[in-house]
Amino acid sequence: MTDERWKEVAEKIRNAFPDHEYEKESILDGRGIIESFEFEGPAGMMKLERTKRPRIVGEKGMVAHRIGAESTIEKVYSDEDTVDFVTVYQWNDTQDTWVQMDDDSLLSAL
């Protein structure tokens, strides 16, 4: 989703659901961001979350050659390319948690 399209969606949510809650969180030492809206939609409590971060271009293994030493994998991020994706959640009262909606559930909720 482009930045312009996200701004349009955010404005529609602000206008249609005046009691919404908005959160913005920085991730990856300020190189990424998570924005989310929580609102009471037609299918109950909904959460729309957009994650924007640098593209992962590889992984670098850090290995110590000692017995019992831990190895770690460090992700390598692009300095120029970013990826972003939007996830929709619905509040589940019985599980007391947010449940990610798949395409079929999303269409039936609208």
PDB file of N, CA and C in Angstrom:
ATOM      1  N   MET A   1       0.848  -1.165   0.000  1.00  0.00           N
ATOM      2  CA  MET A   1       0.000   0.000   0.000  1.00  0.00           C
ATOM      3  C   MET A   1       0.899   1.235   0.000  1.00  0.00           C
ATOM      4  N   THR A   2       0.603   2.154  -0.863  1.00  0.00           N
ATOM      5  CA  THR A   2       1.393   3.377  -0.950  1.00  0.00           C
ATOM      6  C   THR A   2       1.055   4.313   0.212  1.00  0.00           C
ATOM      7  N   ASP A   3       1.933   5.273   0.461  1.00  0.00           N
ATOM      8  CA  ASP A   3       1.687   6.244   1.526  1.00  0.00           C
ATOM      9  C   ASP A   3       0.412   7.046   1.256  1.00  0.00           C
ATOM     10  N   GLU A   4       0.184   7.410  -0.008  1.00  0.00           N
ATOM     11  CA  GLU A   4      -1.007   8.190  -0.358  1.00  0.00           C
ATOM     12  C   GLU A   4      -2.280   7.382  -0.091  1.00  0.00           C
ATOM     13  N   ARG A   5      -2.263   6.120  -0.472  1.00  0.00           N
ATOM     14  CA  ARG A   5      -3.437   5.264  -0.265  1.00  0.00           C
ATOM     15  C   ARG A   5      -3.684   5.063   1.233  1.00  0.00           C
ATOM     16  N   TRP A   6      -2.628   4.882   2.027  1.00  0.00           N
ATOM     17  CA  TRP A   6      -2.788   4.726   3.473  1.00  0.00           C
ATOM     18  C   TRP A   6      -3.407   5.988   4.077  1.00  0.00           C
ATOM     19  N   LYS A   7      -2.965   7.159   3.618  1.00  0.00           N
ATOM     20  CA  LYS A   7      -3.542   8.414   4.114  1.00  0.00           C
ATOM     21  C   LYS A   7      -5.033   8.501   3.805  1.00  0.00           C
ATOM     22  N   GLU A   8      -5.437   8.045   2.626  1.00  0.00           N
ATOM     23  CA  GLU A   8      -6.856   8.024   2.260  1.00  0.00           C
ATOM     24  C   GLU A   8      -7.643   7.094   3.188  1.00  0.00           C
ATOM     25  N   VAL A   9      -7.109   5.895   3.416  1.00  0.00           N
ATOM     26  CA  VAL A   9      -7.777   4.926   4.287  1.00  0.00           C
ATOM     27  C   VAL A   9      -7.872   5.470   5.709  1.00  0.00           C
ATOM     28  N   ALA A  10      -6.774   6.066   6.200  1.00  0.00           N
ATOM     29  CA  ALA A  10      -6.760   6.629   7.553  1.00  0.00           C
ATOM     30  C   ALA A  10      -7.799   7.740   7.692  1.00  0.00           C
ATOM     31  N   GLU A  11      -7.910   8.582   6.683  1.00  0.00           N
ATOM     32  CA  GLU A  11      -8.898   9.672   6.724  1.00  0.00           C
ATOM     33  C   GLU A  11     -10.328   9.125   6.727  1.00  0.00           C
ATOM     34  N   LYS A  12     -10.569   8.064   5.958  1.00  0.00           N
ATOM     35  CA  LYS A  12     -11.903   7.436   5.942  1.00  0.00           C
ATOM     36  C   LYS A  12     -12.242   6.864   7.316  1.00  0.00           C
ATOM     37  N   ILE A  13     -11.270   6.237   7.968  1.00  0.00           N
ATOM     38  CA  ILE A  13     -11.516   5.676   9.299  1.00  0.00           C
ATOM     39  C   ILE A  13     -11.789   6.797  10.293  1.00  0.00           C
ATOM     40  N   ARG A  14     -11.007   7.879  10.234  1.00  0.00           N
ATOM     41  CA  ARG A  14     -11.213   9.009  11.153  1.00  0.00           C
ATOM     42  C   ARG A  14     -12.603   9.611  10.991  1.00  0.00           C
ATOM     43  N   ASN A  15     -13.077   9.699   9.742  1.00  0.00           N
ATOM     44  CA  ASN A  15     -14.395  10.288   9.490  1.00  0.00           C
ATOM     45  C   ASN A  15     -15.544   9.333   9.824  1.00  0.00           C
ATOM     46  N   ALA A  16     -15.382   8.061   9.494  1.00  0.00           N
ATOM     47  CA  ALA A  16     -16.468   7.092   9.691  1.00  0.00           C
ATOM     48  C   ALA A  16     -16.583   6.621  11.135  1.00  0.00           C
ATOM     49  N   PHE A  17     -15.468   6.596  11.859  1.00  0.00           N
ATOM     50  CA  PHE A  17     -15.457   6.087  13.231  1.00  0.00           C
ATOM     51  C   PHE A  17     -14.795   7.116  14.151  1.00  0.00           C
ATOM     52  N   PRO A  18     -15.552   8.113  14.593  1.00  0.00           N
ATOM     53  CA  PRO A  18     -14.951   9.180  15.403  1.00  0.00           C
ATOM     54  C   PRO A  18     -14.399   8.703  16.749  1.00  0.00           C
ATOM     55  N   ASP A  19     -14.834   7.544  17.235  1.00  0.00           N
ATOM     56  CA  ASP A  19     -14.349   7.021  18.516  1.00  0.00           C
ATOM     57  C   ASP A  19     -13.145   6.095  18.347  1.00  0.00           C
ATOM     58  N   HIS A  20     -12.431   6.205  17.241  1.00  0.00           N
ATOM     59  CA  HIS A  20     -11.285   5.323  16.968  1.00  0.00           C
ATOM     60  C   HIS A  20     -10.115   5.649  17.893  1.00  0.00           C
ATOM     61  N   GLU A  21      -9.217   4.669  18.008  1.00  0.00           N
ATOM     62  CA  GLU A  21      -7.956   4.866  18.719  1.00  0.00           C
ATOM     63  C   GLU A  21      -6.832   4.686  17.708  1.00  0.00           C
ATOM     64  N   TYR A  22      -5.849   5.573  17.766  1.00  0.00           N
ATOM     65  CA  TYR A  22      -4.721   5.538  16.831  1.00  0.00           C
ATOM     66  C   TYR A  22      -3.428   5.384  17.614  1.00  0.00           C
ATOM     67  N   GLU A  23      -2.554   4.501  17.126  1.00  0.00           N
ATOM     68  CA  GLU A  23      -1.234   4.311  17.745  1.00  0.00           C
ATOM     69  C   GLU A  23      -0.175   4.303  16.656  1.00  0.00           C
ATOM     70  N   LYS A  24       0.988   4.833  16.996  1.00  0.00           N
ATOM     71  CA  LYS A  24       2.126   4.846  16.076  1.00  0.00           C
ATOM     72  C   LYS A  24       3.349   4.415  16.877  1.00  0.00           C
ATOM     73  N   GLU A  25       4.047   3.402  16.369  1.00  0.00           N
ATOM     74  CA  GLU A  25       5.186   2.823  17.089  1.00  0.00           C
ATOM     75  C   GLU A  25       6.386   2.709  16.147  1.00  0.00           C
ATOM     76  N   SER A  26       7.533   3.118  16.623  1.00  0.00           N
ATOM     77  CA  SER A  26       8.764   3.015  15.854  1.00  0.00           C
ATOM     78  C   SER A  26       9.383   1.632  16.083  1.00  0.00           C
ATOM     79  N   ILE A  27       9.883   1.013  15.004  1.00  0.00           N
ATOM     80  CA  ILE A  27      10.536  -0.298  15.107  1.00  0.00           C
ATOM     81  C   ILE A  27      11.886  -0.244  14.397  1.00  0.00           C
ATOM     82  N   LEU A  28      12.713  -1.231  14.634  1.00  0.00           N
ATOM     83  CA  LEU A  28      14.021  -1.378  13.986  1.00  0.00           C
ATOM     84  C   LEU A  28      14.871  -0.125  14.148  1.00  0.00           C
ATOM     85  N   ASP A  29      14.960   0.360  15.374  1.00  0.00           N
ATOM     86  CA  ASP A  29      15.768   1.547  15.687  1.00  0.00           C
ATOM     87  C   ASP A  29      15.390   2.745  14.830  1.00  0.00           C
ATOM     88  N   GLY A  30      14.097   2.938  14.635  1.00  0.00           N
ATOM     89  CA  GLY A  30      13.615   4.101  13.898  1.00  0.00           C
ATOM     90  C   GLY A  30      13.573   3.949  12.393  1.00  0.00           C
ATOM     91  N   ARG A  31      13.950   2.779  11.876  1.00  0.00           N
ATOM     92  CA  ARG A  31      13.937   2.577  10.422  1.00  0.00           C
ATOM     93  C   ARG A  31      12.599   2.051   9.931  1.00  0.00           C
ATOM     94  N   GLY A  32      11.708   1.678  10.831  1.00  0.00           N
ATOM     95  CA  GLY A  32      10.395   1.183  10.462  1.00  0.00           C
ATOM     96  C   GLY A  32       9.341   1.771  11.369  1.00  0.00           C
ATOM     97  N   ILE A  33       8.084   1.522  11.016  1.00  0.00           N
ATOM     98  CA  ILE A  33       6.981   2.084  11.784  1.00  0.00           C
ATOM     99  C   ILE A  33       5.773   1.149  11.723  1.00  0.00           C
ATOM    100  N   ILE A  34       5.017   1.104  12.815  1.00  0.00           N
ATOM    101  CA  ILE A  34       3.741   0.392  12.846  1.00  0.00           C
ATOM    102  C   ILE A  34       2.677   1.406  13.235  1.00  0.00           C
ATOM    103  N   GLU A  35       1.667   1.552  12.381  1.00  0.00           N
ATOM    104  CA  GLU A  35       0.533   2.422  12.661  1.00  0.00           C
ATOM    105  C   GLU A  35      -0.704   1.548  12.782  1.00  0.00           C
ATOM    106  N   SER A  36      -1.562   1.846  13.742  1.00  0.00           N
ATOM    107  CA  SER A  36      -2.765   1.026  13.874  1.00  0.00           C
ATOM    108  C   SER A  36      -3.953   1.875  14.297  1.00  0.00           C
ATOM    109  N   PHE A  37      -5.118   1.467  13.818  1.00  0.00           N
ATOM    110  CA  PHE A  37      -6.397   2.055  14.190  1.00  0.00           C
ATOM    111  C   PHE A  37      -7.237   0.960  14.831  1.00  0.00           C
ATOM    112  N   GLU A  38      -7.854   1.256  15.957  1.00  0.00           N
ATOM    113  CA  GLU A  38      -8.838   0.368  16.576  1.00  0.00           C
ATOM    114  C   GLU A  38     -10.159   1.101  16.567  1.00  0.00           C
ATOM    115  N   PHE A  39     -11.219   0.392  16.125  1.00  0.00           N
ATOM    116  CA  PHE A  39     -12.526   1.019  16.036  1.00  0.00           C
ATOM    117  C   PHE A  39     -13.616  -0.033  16.090  1.00  0.00           C
ATOM    118  N   GLU A  40     -14.817   0.406  16.434  1.00  0.00           N
ATOM    119  CA  GLU A  40     -15.986  -0.474  16.459  1.00  0.00           C
ATOM    120  C   GLU A  40     -16.583  -0.467  15.062  1.00  0.00           C
ATOM    121  N   GLY A  41     -16.361  -1.539  14.305  1.00  0.00           N
ATOM    122  CA  GLY A  41     -16.835  -1.644  12.931  1.00  0.00           C
ATOM    123  C   GLY A  41     -18.134  -2.421  12.844  1.00  0.00           C
ATOM    124  N   PRO A  42     -18.575  -2.693  11.624  1.00  0.00           N
ATOM    125  CA  PRO A  42     -19.834  -3.421  11.428  1.00  0.00           C
ATOM    126  C   PRO A  42     -19.800  -4.847  11.980  1.00  0.00           C
ATOM    127  N   ALA A  43     -18.605  -5.426  12.091  1.00  0.00           N
ATOM    128  CA  ALA A  43     -18.484  -6.798  12.591  1.00  0.00           C
ATOM    129  C   ALA A  43     -17.913  -6.831  14.003  1.00  0.00           C
ATOM    130  N   GLY A  44     -18.025  -5.719  14.728  1.00  0.00           N
ATOM    131  CA  GLY A  44     -17.489  -5.673  16.083  1.00  0.00           C
ATOM    132  C   GLY A  44     -16.200  -4.882  16.134  1.00  0.00           C
ATOM    133  N   MET A  45     -15.434  -5.103  17.172  1.00  0.00           N
ATOM    134  CA  MET A  45     -14.180  -4.382  17.365  1.00  0.00           C
ATOM    135  C   MET A  45     -13.167  -4.831  16.323  1.00  0.00           C
ATOM    136  N   MET A  46     -12.583  -3.874  15.590  1.00  0.00           N
ATOM    137  CA  MET A  46     -11.653  -4.170  14.507  1.00  0.00           C
ATOM    138  C   MET A  46     -10.347  -3.418  14.745  1.00  0.00           C
ATOM    139  N   LYS A  47      -9.271  -3.945  14.178  1.00  0.00           N
ATOM    140  CA  LYS A  47      -7.966  -3.295  14.250  1.00  0.00           C
ATOM    141  C   LYS A  47      -7.332  -3.375  12.866  1.00  0.00           C
ATOM    142  N   LEU A  48      -6.941  -2.231  12.342  1.00  0.00           N
ATOM    143  CA  LEU A  48      -6.267  -2.147  11.053  1.00  0.00           C
ATOM    144  C   LEU A  48      -4.837  -1.705  11.340  1.00  0.00           C
ATOM    145  N   GLU A  49      -3.863  -2.520  10.931  1.00  0.00           N
ATOM    146  CA  GLU A  49      -2.472  -2.268  11.280  1.00  0.00           C
ATOM    147  C   GLU A  49      -1.613  -2.230  10.019  1.00  0.00           C
ATOM    148  N   ARG A  50      -0.825  -1.163   9.886  1.00  0.00           N
ATOM    149  CA  ARG A  50       0.100  -1.029   8.756  1.00  0.00           C
ATOM    150  C   ARG A  50       1.524  -1.079   9.286  1.00  0.00           C
ATOM    151  N   THR A  51       2.337  -1.952   8.700  1.00  0.00           N
ATOM    152  CA  THR A  51       3.742  -2.071   9.056  1.00  0.00           C
ATOM    153  C   THR A  51       4.572  -1.649   7.859  1.00  0.00           C
ATOM    154  N   LYS A  52       5.492  -0.717   8.080  1.00  0.00           N
ATOM    155  CA  LYS A  52       6.392  -0.261   7.020  1.00  0.00           C
ATOM    156  C   LYS A  52       7.814  -0.389   7.556  1.00  0.00           C
ATOM    157  N   ARG A  53       8.644  -1.135   6.804  1.00  0.00           N
ATOM    158  CA  ARG A  53      10.006  -1.390   7.255  1.00  0.00           C
ATOM    159  C   ARG A  53      10.912  -1.563   6.042  1.00  0.00           C
ATOM    160  N   PRO A  54      12.225  -1.518   6.250  1.00  0.00           N
ATOM    161  CA  PRO A  54      13.144  -1.761   5.133  1.00  0.00           C
ATOM    162  C   PRO A  54      13.045  -3.214   4.654  1.00  0.00           C
ATOM    163  N   ARG A  55      13.286  -3.407   3.377  1.00  0.00           N
ATOM    164  CA  ARG A  55      13.264  -4.753   2.792  1.00  0.00           C
ATOM    165  C   ARG A  55      14.443  -5.567   3.322  1.00  0.00           C
ATOM    166  N   ILE A  56      14.188  -6.835   3.629  1.00  0.00           N
ATOM    167  CA  ILE A  56      15.253  -7.742   4.058  1.00  0.00           C
ATOM    168  C   ILE A  56      15.967  -8.239   2.804  1.00  0.00           C
ATOM    169  N   VAL A  57      17.270  -7.998   2.737  1.00  0.00           N
ATOM    170  CA  VAL A  57      18.034  -8.402   1.552  1.00  0.00           C
ATOM    171  C   VAL A  57      18.916  -9.617   1.810  1.00  0.00           C
ATOM    172  N   GLY A  58      19.014 -10.046   3.059  1.00  0.00           N
ATOM    173  CA  GLY A  58      19.813 -11.226   3.356  1.00  0.00           C
ATOM    174  C   GLY A  58      19.924 -11.462   4.846  1.00  0.00           C
ATOM    175  N   GLU A  59      20.654 -12.488   5.177  1.00  0.00           N
ATOM    176  CA  GLU A  59      20.904 -12.825   6.576  1.00  0.00           C
ATOM    177  C   GLU A  59      22.383 -13.124   6.736  1.00  0.00           C
ATOM    178  N   LYS A  60      22.913 -12.745   7.884  1.00  0.00           N
ATOM    179  CA  LYS A  60      24.324 -12.954   8.161  1.00  0.00           C
ATOM    180  C   LYS A  60      24.416 -13.803   9.424  1.00  0.00           C
ATOM    181  N   GLY A  61      25.075 -14.928   9.316  1.00  0.00           N
ATOM    182  CA  GLY A  61      25.240 -15.813  10.469  1.00  0.00           C
ATOM    183  C   GLY A  61      26.441 -15.412  11.295  1.00  0.00           C
ATOM    184  N   MET A  62      26.252 -15.329  12.593  1.00  0.00           N
ATOM    185  CA  MET A  62      27.344 -15.016  13.515  1.00  0.00           C
ATOM    186  C   MET A  62      27.598 -16.278  14.327  1.00  0.00           C
ATOM    187  N   VAL A  63      28.764 -16.887  14.113  1.00  0.00           N
ATOM    188  CA  VAL A  63      29.066 -18.165  14.736  1.00  0.00           C
ATOM    189  C   VAL A  63      30.361 -18.059  15.530  1.00  0.00           C
ATOM    190  N   ALA A  64      30.338 -18.581  16.733  1.00  0.00           N
ATOM    191  CA  ALA A  64      31.566 -18.707  17.526  1.00  0.00           C
ATOM    192  C   ALA A  64      31.998 -20.165  17.441  1.00  0.00           C
ATOM    193  N   HIS A  65      33.279 -20.392  17.277  1.00  0.00           N
ATOM    194  CA  HIS A  65      33.780 -21.757  17.107  1.00  0.00           C
ATOM    195  C   HIS A  65      34.274 -22.341  18.422  1.00  0.00           C
ATOM    196  N   ARG A  66      33.466 -22.158  19.449  1.00  0.00           N
ATOM    197  CA  ARG A  66      33.789 -22.737  20.756  1.00  0.00           C
ATOM    198  C   ARG A  66      32.663 -23.693  21.129  1.00  0.00           C
ATOM    199  N   ILE A  67      33.001 -24.683  21.893  1.00  0.00           N
ATOM    200  CA  ILE A  67      31.991 -25.649  22.334  1.00  0.00           C
ATOM    201  C   ILE A  67      31.005 -24.929  23.253  1.00  0.00           C
ATOM    202  N   GLY A  68      29.733 -25.109  22.964  1.00  0.00           N
ATOM    203  CA  GLY A  68      28.677 -24.520  23.785  1.00  0.00           C
ATOM    204  C   GLY A  68      28.365 -23.075  23.446  1.00  0.00           C
ATOM    205  N   ALA A  69      29.046 -22.488  22.478  1.00  0.00           N
ATOM    206  CA  ALA A  69      28.797 -21.091  22.117  1.00  0.00           C
ATOM    207  C   ALA A  69      27.498 -20.990  21.308  1.00  0.00           C
ATOM    208  N   GLU A  70      26.831 -19.879  21.452  1.00  0.00           N
ATOM    209  CA  GLU A  70      25.588 -19.662  20.715  1.00  0.00           C
ATOM    210  C   GLU A  70      25.887 -19.072  19.344  1.00  0.00           C
ATOM    211  N   SER A  71      25.015 -19.376  18.403  1.00  0.00           N
ATOM    212  CA  SER A  71      25.109 -18.746  17.092  1.00  0.00           C
ATOM    213  C   SER A  71      23.864 -17.892  16.897  1.00  0.00           C
ATOM    214  N   THR A  72      24.026 -16.800  16.208  1.00  0.00           N
ATOM    215  CA  THR A  72      22.901 -15.908  15.956  1.00  0.00           C
ATOM    216  C   THR A  72      22.830 -15.592  14.471  1.00  0.00           C
ATOM    217  N   ILE A  73      21.644 -15.214  14.047  1.00  0.00           N
ATOM    218  CA  ILE A  73      21.442 -14.801  12.662  1.00  0.00           C
ATOM    219  C   ILE A  73      20.981 -13.351  12.688  1.00  0.00           C
ATOM    220  N   GLU A  74      21.697 -12.519  11.958  1.00  0.00           N
ATOM    221  CA  GLU A  74      21.380 -11.093  11.889  1.00  0.00           C
ATOM    222  C   GLU A  74      20.807 -10.792  10.510  1.00  0.00           C
ATOM    223  N   LYS A  75      19.668 -10.125  10.467  1.00  0.00           N
ATOM    224  CA  LYS A  75      19.049  -9.778   9.191  1.00  0.00           C
ATOM    225  C   LYS A  75      19.714  -8.528   8.633  1.00  0.00           C
ATOM    226  N   VAL A  76      19.885  -8.521   7.319  1.00  0.00           N
ATOM    227  CA  VAL A  76      20.475  -7.380   6.627  1.00  0.00           C
ATOM    228  C   VAL A  76      19.351  -6.674   5.885  1.00  0.00           C
ATOM    229  N   TYR A  77      19.200  -5.372   6.166  1.00  0.00           N
ATOM    230  CA  TYR A  77      18.112  -4.588   5.582  1.00  0.00           C
ATOM    231  C   TYR A  77      18.634  -3.656   4.500  1.00  0.00           C
ATOM    232  N   SER A  78      17.790  -3.396   3.513  1.00  0.00           N
ATOM    233  CA  SER A  78      18.124  -2.474   2.434  1.00  0.00           C
ATOM    234  C   SER A  78      18.090  -1.040   2.945  1.00  0.00           C
ATOM    235  N   ASP A  79      18.975  -0.211   2.409  1.00  0.00           N
ATOM    236  CA  ASP A  79      18.973   1.204   2.758  1.00  0.00           C
ATOM    237  C   ASP A  79      17.995   2.004   1.902  1.00  0.00           C
ATOM    238  N   GLU A  80      17.576   1.442   0.758  1.00  0.00           N
ATOM    239  CA  GLU A  80      16.730   2.181  -0.171  1.00  0.00           C
ATOM    240  C   GLU A  80      15.317   1.639  -0.289  1.00  0.00           C
ATOM    241  N   ASP A  81      15.154   0.322  -0.329  1.00  0.00           N
ATOM    242  CA  ASP A  81      13.837  -0.279  -0.549  1.00  0.00           C
ATOM    243  C   ASP A  81      13.096  -0.475   0.763  1.00  0.00           C
ATOM    244  N   THR A  82      11.790  -0.229   0.727  1.00  0.00           N
ATOM    245  CA  THR A  82      10.946  -0.503   1.881  1.00  0.00           C
ATOM    246  C   THR A  82       9.795  -1.393   1.449  1.00  0.00           C
ATOM    247  N   VAL A  83       9.250  -2.101   2.392  1.00  0.00           N
ATOM    248  CA  VAL A  83       8.043  -2.898   2.170  1.00  0.00           C
ATOM    249  C   VAL A  83       7.024  -2.465   3.212  1.00  0.00           C
ATOM    250  N   ASP A  84       5.773  -2.539   2.832  1.00  0.00           N
ATOM    251  CA  ASP A  84       4.738  -2.270   3.813  1.00  0.00           C
ATOM    252  C   ASP A  84       3.549  -3.166   3.526  1.00  0.00           C
ATOM    253  N   PHE A  85       2.861  -3.521   4.591  1.00  0.00           N
ATOM    254  CA  PHE A  85       1.705  -4.385   4.462  1.00  0.00           C
ATOM    255  C   PHE A  85       0.679  -4.013   5.521  1.00  0.00           C
ATOM    256  N   VAL A  86      -0.559  -4.316   5.211  1.00  0.00           N
ATOM    257  CA  VAL A  86      -1.678  -3.994   6.095  1.00  0.00           C
ATOM    258  C   VAL A  86      -2.313  -5.296   6.552  1.00  0.00           C
ATOM    259  N   THR A  87      -2.593  -5.385   7.841  1.00  0.00           N
ATOM    260  CA  THR A  87      -3.226  -6.561   8.421  1.00  0.00           C
ATOM    261  C   THR A  87      -4.485  -6.112   9.145  1.00  0.00           C
ATOM    262  N   VAL A  88      -5.548  -6.901   9.005  1.00  0.00           N
ATOM    263  CA  VAL A  88      -6.816  -6.587   9.658  1.00  0.00           C
ATOM    264  C   VAL A  88      -7.080  -7.642  10.730  1.00  0.00           C
ATOM    265  N   TYR A  89      -7.435  -7.170  11.923  1.00  0.00           N
ATOM    266  CA  TYR A  89      -7.733  -8.054  13.043  1.00  0.00           C
ATOM    267  C   TYR A  89      -9.149  -7.798  13.533  1.00  0.00           C
ATOM    268  N   GLN A  90      -9.745  -8.825  14.126  1.00  0.00           N
ATOM    269  CA  GLN A  90     -11.045  -8.708  14.781  1.00  0.00           C
ATOM    270  C   GLN A  90     -10.886  -9.201  16.215  1.00  0.00           C
ATOM    271  N   TRP A  91     -11.516  -8.502  17.144  1.00  0.00           N
ATOM    272  CA  TRP A  91     -11.426  -8.878  18.545  1.00  0.00           C
ATOM    273  C   TRP A  91     -12.263 -10.112  18.809  1.00  0.00           C
ATOM    274  N   ASN A  92     -11.667 -11.111  19.451  1.00  0.00           N
ATOM    275  CA  ASN A  92     -12.363 -12.341  19.802  1.00  0.00           C
ATOM    276  C   ASN A  92     -12.565 -12.342  21.313  1.00  0.00           C
ATOM    277  N   ASP A  93     -13.818 -12.211  21.759  1.00  0.00           N
ATOM    278  CA  ASP A  93     -14.126 -12.135  23.189  1.00  0.00           C
ATOM    279  C   ASP A  93     -13.814 -13.431  23.923  1.00  0.00           C
ATOM    280  N   THR A  94     -14.045 -14.571  23.277  1.00  0.00           N
ATOM    281  CA  THR A  94     -13.833 -15.842  23.961  1.00  0.00           C
ATOM    282  C   THR A  94     -12.344 -16.103  24.203  1.00  0.00           C
ATOM    283  N   GLN A  95     -11.494 -15.709  23.250  1.00  0.00           N
ATOM    284  CA  GLN A  95     -10.052 -15.895  23.406  1.00  0.00           C
ATOM    285  C   GLN A  95      -9.395 -14.685  24.064  1.00  0.00           C
ATOM    286  N   ASP A  96     -10.139 -13.573  24.151  1.00  0.00           N
ATOM    287  CA  ASP A  96      -9.649 -12.333  24.747  1.00  0.00           C
ATOM    288  C   ASP A  96      -8.373 -11.848  24.064  1.00  0.00           C
ATOM    289  N   THR A  97      -8.385 -11.868  22.700  1.00  0.00           N
ATOM    290  CA  THR A  97      -7.220 -11.460  21.922  1.00  0.00           C
ATOM    291  C   THR A  97      -7.648 -11.041  20.522  1.00  0.00           C
ATOM    292  N   TRP A  98      -6.740 -10.388  19.807  1.00  0.00           N
ATOM    293  CA  TRP A  98      -6.974 -10.035  18.409  1.00  0.00           C
ATOM    294  C   TRP A  98      -6.704 -11.249  17.536  1.00  0.00           C
ATOM    295  N   VAL A  99      -7.585 -11.517  16.580  1.00  0.00           N
ATOM    296  CA  VAL A  99      -7.443 -12.635  15.649  1.00  0.00           C
ATOM    297  C   VAL A  99      -7.353 -12.060  14.244  1.00  0.00           C
ATOM    298  N   GLN A 100      -6.301 -12.458  13.522  1.00  0.00           N
ATOM    299  CA  GLN A 100      -6.111 -11.955  12.163  1.00  0.00           C
ATOM    300  C   GLN A 100      -7.209 -12.488  11.263  1.00  0.00           C
ATOM    301  N   MET A 101      -7.776 -11.595  10.467  1.00  0.00           N
ATOM    302  CA  MET A 101      -8.849 -11.989   9.551  1.00  0.00           C
ATOM    303  C   MET A 101      -8.249 -12.397   8.213  1.00  0.00           C
ATOM    304  N   ASP A 102      -8.742 -13.495   7.660  1.00  0.00           N
ATOM    305  CA  ASP A 102      -8.322 -13.874   6.322  1.00  0.00           C
ATOM    306  C   ASP A 102      -9.266 -13.209   5.316  1.00  0.00           C
ATOM    307  N   ASP A 103      -9.009 -13.403   4.032  1.00  0.00           N
ATOM    308  CA  ASP A 103      -9.793 -12.721   3.001  1.00  0.00           C
ATOM    309  C   ASP A 103     -11.267 -13.067   3.075  1.00  0.00           C
ATOM    310  N   ASP A 104     -11.601 -14.353   3.296  1.00  0.00           N
ATOM    311  CA  ASP A 104     -12.997 -14.764   3.349  1.00  0.00           C
ATOM    312  C   ASP A 104     -13.727 -14.134   4.547  1.00  0.00           C
ATOM    313  N   SER A 105     -13.076 -14.109   5.697  1.00  0.00           N
ATOM    314  CA  SER A 105     -13.709 -13.513   6.891  1.00  0.00           C
ATOM    315  C   SER A 105     -13.894 -12.023   6.701  1.00  0.00           C
ATOM    316  N   LEU A 106     -12.920 -11.385   6.074  1.00  0.00           N
ATOM    317  CA  LEU A 106     -13.001  -9.945   5.870  1.00  0.00           C
ATOM    318  C   LEU A 106     -14.158  -9.588   4.956  1.00  0.00           C
ATOM    319  N   LEU A 107     -14.323 -10.343   3.883  1.00  0.00           N
ATOM    320  CA  LEU A 107     -15.414 -10.077   2.951  1.00  0.00           C
ATOM    321  C   LEU A 107     -16.774 -10.338   3.580  1.00  0.00           C
ATOM    322  N   SER A 108     -16.892 -11.371   4.405  1.00  0.00           N
ATOM    323  CA  SER A 108     -18.179 -11.659   5.034  1.00  0.00           C
ATOM    324  C   SER A 108     -18.513 -10.636   6.129  1.00  0.00           C
ATOM    325  N   ALA A 109     -17.478 -10.000   6.710  1.00  0.00           N
ATOM    326  CA  ALA A 109     -17.713  -8.995   7.754  1.00  0.00           C
ATOM    327  C   ALA A 109     -18.213  -7.684   7.172  1.00  0.00           C
ATOM    328  N   LEU A 110     -17.941  -7.448   5.891  1.00  0.00           N
ATOM    329  CA  LEU A 110     -18.345  -6.182   5.286  1.00  0.00           C
ATOM    330  C   LEU A 110     -19.686  -6.237   4.689  1.00  0.00           C
TER     331      LEU A 110
END
